[in-house]
Amino acid sequence: MTQQLTERDAAAIRDATLESLLDSTGPWNVDRVKEVVIAVAQEHGEVSANDVRKVLEEHLHWLIGPAFNSLTHSRGMLVNTGDRVPSTSPATKGHGISVYRWVGAVTAAKAA
């Protein structure tokens, strides 16, 4: 017979799990992912999560989405091209993911 958790117990477990994740990953991991996204975007002009996953340590893959959000919305370093490509991550079952353009590439193209 399985014992059901109360809502309070479940919340306590959730909070403890989130706290341990934050303690173990730290902000430097988000910074590491951002650095990789920027490097790939600068090198290729356009970038998707597929490109980043190829060169990023696997334990940091879960931070790719937040890194793209930060670099797009907060920092304005990337712009969404509107294009989508199938994800190569087995967990996503090939759903479409966004392609982003490095703002420096857009600026250089406009100047030419």
N, C-alpha and C. Protein backbone atom coordinates (compact mmCIF):
# COMPACT_ATOMS: atom_id res chain seq x y z
N MET A 1 0.83 -1.17 0.00
CA MET A 1 0.00 0.00 0.00
C MET A 1 0.88 1.24 0.00
N THR A 2 0.60 2.19 -0.90
CA THR A 2 1.40 3.40 -0.96
C THR A 2 0.77 4.48 -0.10
N GLN A 3 1.64 5.27 0.49
CA GLN A 3 1.17 6.35 1.34
C GLN A 3 1.11 7.63 0.51
N GLN A 4 0.01 8.35 0.57
CA GLN A 4 -0.12 9.60 -0.17
C GLN A 4 0.41 10.75 0.67
N LEU A 5 1.10 11.67 -0.04
CA LEU A 5 1.62 12.85 0.64
C LEU A 5 0.54 13.90 0.78
N THR A 6 0.63 14.64 1.86
CA THR A 6 -0.25 15.80 1.99
C THR A 6 0.29 16.90 1.09
N GLU A 7 -0.52 17.87 0.82
CA GLU A 7 -0.08 19.00 -0.02
C GLU A 7 1.10 19.72 0.62
N ARG A 8 1.09 19.84 1.91
CA ARG A 8 2.18 20.51 2.64
C ARG A 8 3.48 19.70 2.52
N ASP A 9 3.40 18.38 2.66
CA ASP A 9 4.58 17.53 2.53
C ASP A 9 5.15 17.60 1.11
N ALA A 10 4.26 17.56 0.14
CA ALA A 10 4.70 17.63 -1.26
C ALA A 10 5.38 18.97 -1.54
N ALA A 11 4.84 20.05 -1.01
CA ALA A 11 5.45 21.37 -1.20
C ALA A 11 6.81 21.44 -0.54
N ALA A 12 6.94 20.84 0.63
CA ALA A 12 8.23 20.84 1.33
C ALA A 12 9.28 20.07 0.54
N ILE A 13 8.88 18.94 -0.03
CA ILE A 13 9.80 18.15 -0.85
C ILE A 13 10.19 18.93 -2.10
N ARG A 14 9.21 19.56 -2.75
CA ARG A 14 9.48 20.37 -3.93
C ARG A 14 10.47 21.49 -3.60
N ASP A 15 10.23 22.20 -2.51
CA ASP A 15 11.10 23.31 -2.14
C ASP A 15 12.51 22.84 -1.83
N ALA A 16 12.64 21.72 -1.14
CA ALA A 16 13.95 21.17 -0.82
C ALA A 16 14.69 20.75 -2.09
N THR A 17 13.96 20.15 -3.03
CA THR A 17 14.57 19.73 -4.30
C THR A 17 15.05 20.94 -5.09
N LEU A 18 14.22 21.96 -5.21
CA LEU A 18 14.61 23.17 -5.93
C LEU A 18 15.81 23.84 -5.28
N GLU A 19 15.82 23.89 -3.97
CA GLU A 19 16.94 24.49 -3.25
C GLU A 19 18.23 23.73 -3.51
N SER A 20 18.16 22.40 -3.50
CA SER A 20 19.37 21.61 -3.75
C SER A 20 19.84 21.77 -5.19
N LEU A 21 18.92 21.89 -6.13
CA LEU A 21 19.31 22.13 -7.52
C LEU A 21 20.01 23.47 -7.67
N LEU A 22 19.47 24.50 -7.04
CA LEU A 22 20.09 25.81 -7.13
C LEU A 22 21.46 25.82 -6.48
N ASP A 23 21.57 25.12 -5.34
CA ASP A 23 22.86 25.05 -4.66
C ASP A 23 23.89 24.32 -5.51
N SER A 24 23.47 23.28 -6.23
CA SER A 24 24.42 22.47 -6.98
C SER A 24 24.77 23.06 -8.34
N THR A 25 23.91 23.90 -8.90
CA THR A 25 24.21 24.44 -10.22
C THR A 25 24.79 25.83 -10.15
N GLY A 26 24.26 26.67 -9.32
CA GLY A 26 24.79 28.01 -9.15
C GLY A 26 24.67 28.86 -10.40
N PRO A 27 24.78 30.16 -10.24
CA PRO A 27 24.64 31.06 -11.39
C PRO A 27 25.75 30.91 -12.41
N TRP A 28 26.92 30.41 -11.99
CA TRP A 28 28.01 30.28 -12.96
C TRP A 28 27.66 29.32 -14.08
N ASN A 29 26.78 28.36 -13.83
CA ASN A 29 26.37 27.45 -14.90
C ASN A 29 25.54 28.17 -15.95
N VAL A 30 24.66 29.06 -15.53
CA VAL A 30 23.89 29.83 -16.49
C VAL A 30 24.84 30.70 -17.31
N ASP A 31 25.81 31.29 -16.64
CA ASP A 31 26.80 32.11 -17.34
C ASP A 31 27.59 31.28 -18.34
N ARG A 32 27.93 30.06 -17.96
CA ARG A 32 28.66 29.16 -18.87
C ARG A 32 27.82 28.87 -20.12
N VAL A 33 26.56 28.59 -19.94
CA VAL A 33 25.68 28.30 -21.07
C VAL A 33 25.55 29.54 -21.96
N LYS A 34 25.39 30.71 -21.37
CA LYS A 34 25.31 31.95 -22.15
C LYS A 34 26.58 32.15 -22.97
N GLU A 35 27.73 31.89 -22.37
CA GLU A 35 29.00 32.03 -23.09
C GLU A 35 29.04 31.11 -24.31
N VAL A 36 28.58 29.89 -24.15
CA VAL A 36 28.57 28.94 -25.27
C VAL A 36 27.60 29.40 -26.35
N VAL A 37 26.40 29.84 -25.96
CA VAL A 37 25.42 30.33 -26.94
C VAL A 37 26.02 31.50 -27.72
N ILE A 38 26.62 32.44 -27.03
CA ILE A 38 27.21 33.61 -27.69
C ILE A 38 28.33 33.19 -28.64
N ALA A 39 29.19 32.29 -28.20
CA ALA A 39 30.30 31.85 -29.04
C ALA A 39 29.80 31.18 -30.32
N VAL A 40 28.82 30.31 -30.19
CA VAL A 40 28.27 29.61 -31.36
C VAL A 40 27.56 30.61 -32.28
N ALA A 41 26.80 31.51 -31.69
CA ALA A 41 26.07 32.51 -32.49
C ALA A 41 27.03 33.43 -33.23
N GLN A 42 28.09 33.85 -32.58
CA GLN A 42 29.06 34.72 -33.23
C GLN A 42 29.77 33.99 -34.37
N GLU A 43 30.07 32.72 -34.16
CA GLU A 43 30.79 31.95 -35.18
C GLU A 43 29.92 31.66 -36.40
N HIS A 44 28.65 31.32 -36.17
CA HIS A 44 27.79 30.86 -37.27
C HIS A 44 26.77 31.90 -37.73
N GLY A 45 26.56 32.95 -36.95
CA GLY A 45 25.57 33.96 -37.30
C GLY A 45 24.19 33.61 -36.80
N GLU A 46 23.80 32.35 -36.92
CA GLU A 46 22.52 31.86 -36.41
C GLU A 46 22.78 30.67 -35.51
N VAL A 47 21.86 30.46 -34.57
CA VAL A 47 22.06 29.40 -33.58
C VAL A 47 20.71 28.88 -33.10
N SER A 48 20.67 27.59 -32.81
CA SER A 48 19.51 26.98 -32.16
C SER A 48 20.03 26.14 -30.99
N ALA A 49 19.11 25.64 -30.21
CA ALA A 49 19.50 24.78 -29.09
C ALA A 49 20.25 23.54 -29.59
N ASN A 50 19.93 23.07 -30.78
CA ASN A 50 20.64 21.91 -31.34
C ASN A 50 22.14 22.20 -31.43
N ASP A 51 22.50 23.39 -31.92
CA ASP A 51 23.90 23.76 -32.07
C ASP A 51 24.61 23.83 -30.73
N VAL A 52 23.92 24.35 -29.73
CA VAL A 52 24.50 24.52 -28.41
C VAL A 52 24.69 23.17 -27.72
N ARG A 53 23.70 22.28 -27.87
CA ARG A 53 23.80 20.96 -27.24
C ARG A 53 25.03 20.19 -27.73
N LYS A 54 25.44 20.41 -28.98
CA LYS A 54 26.59 19.70 -29.54
C LYS A 54 27.88 20.00 -28.79
N VAL A 55 27.99 21.19 -28.23
CA VAL A 55 29.26 21.61 -27.63
C VAL A 55 29.19 21.84 -26.12
N LEU A 56 28.01 21.72 -25.55
CA LEU A 56 27.82 22.00 -24.13
C LEU A 56 27.77 20.71 -23.32
N GLU A 57 28.31 20.77 -22.12
CA GLU A 57 28.27 19.61 -21.24
C GLU A 57 26.81 19.20 -21.00
N GLU A 58 26.57 17.90 -21.00
CA GLU A 58 25.21 17.39 -20.93
C GLU A 58 24.47 17.83 -19.67
N HIS A 59 25.15 17.91 -18.55
CA HIS A 59 24.46 18.28 -17.31
C HIS A 59 23.97 19.73 -17.33
N LEU A 60 24.36 20.51 -18.33
CA LEU A 60 23.91 21.90 -18.43
C LEU A 60 22.84 22.11 -19.50
N HIS A 61 22.44 21.05 -20.19
CA HIS A 61 21.45 21.18 -21.27
C HIS A 61 20.15 21.80 -20.79
N TRP A 62 19.77 21.55 -19.57
CA TRP A 62 18.50 22.07 -19.08
C TRP A 62 18.51 23.59 -18.96
N LEU A 63 19.68 24.22 -19.02
CA LEU A 63 19.78 25.67 -18.91
C LEU A 63 19.81 26.39 -20.26
N ILE A 64 19.73 25.63 -21.35
CA ILE A 64 19.81 26.25 -22.67
C ILE A 64 18.63 27.20 -22.90
N GLY A 65 17.42 26.76 -22.61
CA GLY A 65 16.25 27.61 -22.79
C GLY A 65 16.33 28.91 -22.01
N PRO A 66 16.63 28.85 -20.69
CA PRO A 66 16.76 30.10 -19.94
C PRO A 66 17.87 31.01 -20.48
N ALA A 67 18.96 30.42 -20.98
CA ALA A 67 20.04 31.24 -21.54
C ALA A 67 19.57 31.97 -22.79
N PHE A 68 18.86 31.26 -23.68
CA PHE A 68 18.31 31.91 -24.88
C PHE A 68 17.34 33.01 -24.49
N ASN A 69 16.47 32.76 -23.53
CA ASN A 69 15.52 33.78 -23.09
C ASN A 69 16.24 35.03 -22.59
N SER A 70 17.26 34.84 -21.78
CA SER A 70 18.00 35.97 -21.24
C SER A 70 18.70 36.75 -22.34
N LEU A 71 19.35 36.04 -23.26
CA LEU A 71 20.10 36.71 -24.31
C LEU A 71 19.18 37.37 -25.34
N THR A 72 17.95 36.92 -25.43
CA THR A 72 16.99 37.49 -26.39
C THR A 72 16.20 38.63 -25.76
N HIS A 73 15.58 38.38 -24.62
CA HIS A 73 14.66 39.34 -24.04
C HIS A 73 15.34 40.37 -23.14
N SER A 74 16.21 39.92 -22.27
CA SER A 74 16.83 40.84 -21.31
C SER A 74 18.02 41.58 -21.92
N ARG A 75 18.82 40.87 -22.66
CA ARG A 75 20.06 41.45 -23.15
C ARG A 75 19.99 41.95 -24.59
N GLY A 76 19.05 41.45 -25.37
CA GLY A 76 18.91 41.88 -26.76
C GLY A 76 20.08 41.49 -27.65
N MET A 77 20.82 40.46 -27.28
CA MET A 77 21.98 40.03 -28.05
C MET A 77 21.60 39.11 -29.20
N LEU A 78 20.44 38.46 -29.09
CA LEU A 78 19.94 37.56 -30.13
C LEU A 78 18.55 38.02 -30.54
N VAL A 79 18.20 37.75 -31.80
CA VAL A 79 16.84 37.99 -32.27
C VAL A 79 16.30 36.70 -32.86
N ASN A 80 15.03 36.44 -32.61
CA ASN A 80 14.39 35.25 -33.14
C ASN A 80 14.15 35.48 -34.63
N THR A 81 14.61 34.54 -35.47
CA THR A 81 14.46 34.68 -36.92
C THR A 81 13.06 34.33 -37.39
N GLY A 82 12.29 33.66 -36.53
CA GLY A 82 10.98 33.17 -36.94
C GLY A 82 11.05 31.79 -37.56
N ASP A 83 12.27 31.33 -37.87
CA ASP A 83 12.45 29.98 -38.41
C ASP A 83 12.45 28.97 -37.27
N ARG A 84 12.04 27.74 -37.60
CA ARG A 84 12.05 26.65 -36.63
C ARG A 84 12.68 25.44 -37.30
N VAL A 85 13.40 24.67 -36.50
CA VAL A 85 14.00 23.43 -36.98
C VAL A 85 13.60 22.32 -36.02
N PRO A 86 13.61 21.05 -36.48
CA PRO A 86 13.28 19.95 -35.57
C PRO A 86 14.36 19.79 -34.51
N SER A 87 13.96 19.61 -33.29
CA SER A 87 14.91 19.39 -32.21
C SER A 87 15.59 18.04 -32.37
N THR A 88 16.89 18.00 -32.05
CA THR A 88 17.63 16.75 -32.09
C THR A 88 17.69 16.07 -30.72
N SER A 89 17.07 16.69 -29.72
CA SER A 89 17.04 16.10 -28.38
C SER A 89 16.00 14.99 -28.35
N PRO A 90 16.40 13.78 -27.96
CA PRO A 90 15.42 12.68 -27.89
C PRO A 90 14.23 12.98 -26.97
N ALA A 91 14.46 13.76 -25.95
CA ALA A 91 13.39 14.07 -24.99
C ALA A 91 12.28 14.91 -25.61
N THR A 92 12.59 15.65 -26.66
CA THR A 92 11.59 16.53 -27.25
C THR A 92 10.84 15.90 -28.42
N LYS A 93 11.26 14.72 -28.81
CA LYS A 93 10.60 13.96 -29.88
C LYS A 93 10.51 14.76 -31.19
N GLY A 94 11.52 15.58 -31.45
CA GLY A 94 11.61 16.28 -32.72
C GLY A 94 10.72 17.50 -32.88
N HIS A 95 10.15 18.01 -31.80
CA HIS A 95 9.30 19.19 -31.98
C HIS A 95 10.15 20.38 -32.46
N GLY A 96 9.51 21.38 -33.00
CA GLY A 96 10.23 22.52 -33.56
C GLY A 96 10.83 23.41 -32.49
N ILE A 97 12.04 23.88 -32.76
CA ILE A 97 12.70 24.83 -31.86
C ILE A 97 13.10 26.05 -32.68
N SER A 98 13.20 27.18 -32.01
CA SER A 98 13.48 28.44 -32.68
C SER A 98 14.94 28.56 -33.09
N VAL A 99 15.14 29.33 -34.14
CA VAL A 99 16.48 29.69 -34.61
C VAL A 99 16.67 31.18 -34.31
N TYR A 100 17.83 31.53 -33.80
CA TYR A 100 18.12 32.91 -33.42
C TYR A 100 19.31 33.43 -34.22
N ARG A 101 19.33 34.74 -34.43
CA ARG A 101 20.43 35.39 -35.15
C ARG A 101 21.19 36.28 -34.17
N TRP A 102 22.50 36.23 -34.27
CA TRP A 102 23.36 37.10 -33.47
C TRP A 102 23.14 38.53 -33.93
N VAL A 103 22.87 39.44 -33.01
CA VAL A 103 22.58 40.82 -33.36
C VAL A 103 23.76 41.46 -34.09
N GLY A 104 24.95 41.10 -33.75
CA GLY A 104 26.12 41.63 -34.45
C GLY A 104 26.07 41.29 -35.93
N ALA A 105 25.58 40.07 -36.27
CA ALA A 105 25.47 39.66 -37.68
C ALA A 105 24.41 40.49 -38.38
N VAL A 106 23.32 40.83 -37.68
CA VAL A 106 22.27 41.65 -38.27
C VAL A 106 22.81 43.06 -38.54
N THR A 107 23.53 43.61 -37.56
CA THR A 107 24.08 44.95 -37.70
C THR A 107 25.06 45.02 -38.86
N ALA A 108 25.93 43.99 -38.98
CA ALA A 108 26.91 43.96 -40.05
C ALA A 108 26.22 43.84 -41.41
N ALA A 109 25.16 43.05 -41.49
CA ALA A 109 24.44 42.87 -42.75
C ALA A 109 23.77 44.18 -43.17
N LYS A 110 23.23 44.94 -42.22
CA LYS A 110 22.58 46.21 -42.53
C LYS A 110 23.60 47.24 -43.00
N ALA A 111 24.81 47.17 -42.44
CA ALA A 111 25.85 48.14 -42.77
C ALA A 111 26.41 47.89 -44.18
N ALA A 112 26.33 46.64 -44.65
CA ALA A 112 26.91 46.29 -45.94
C ALA A 112 26.10 46.80 -47.11
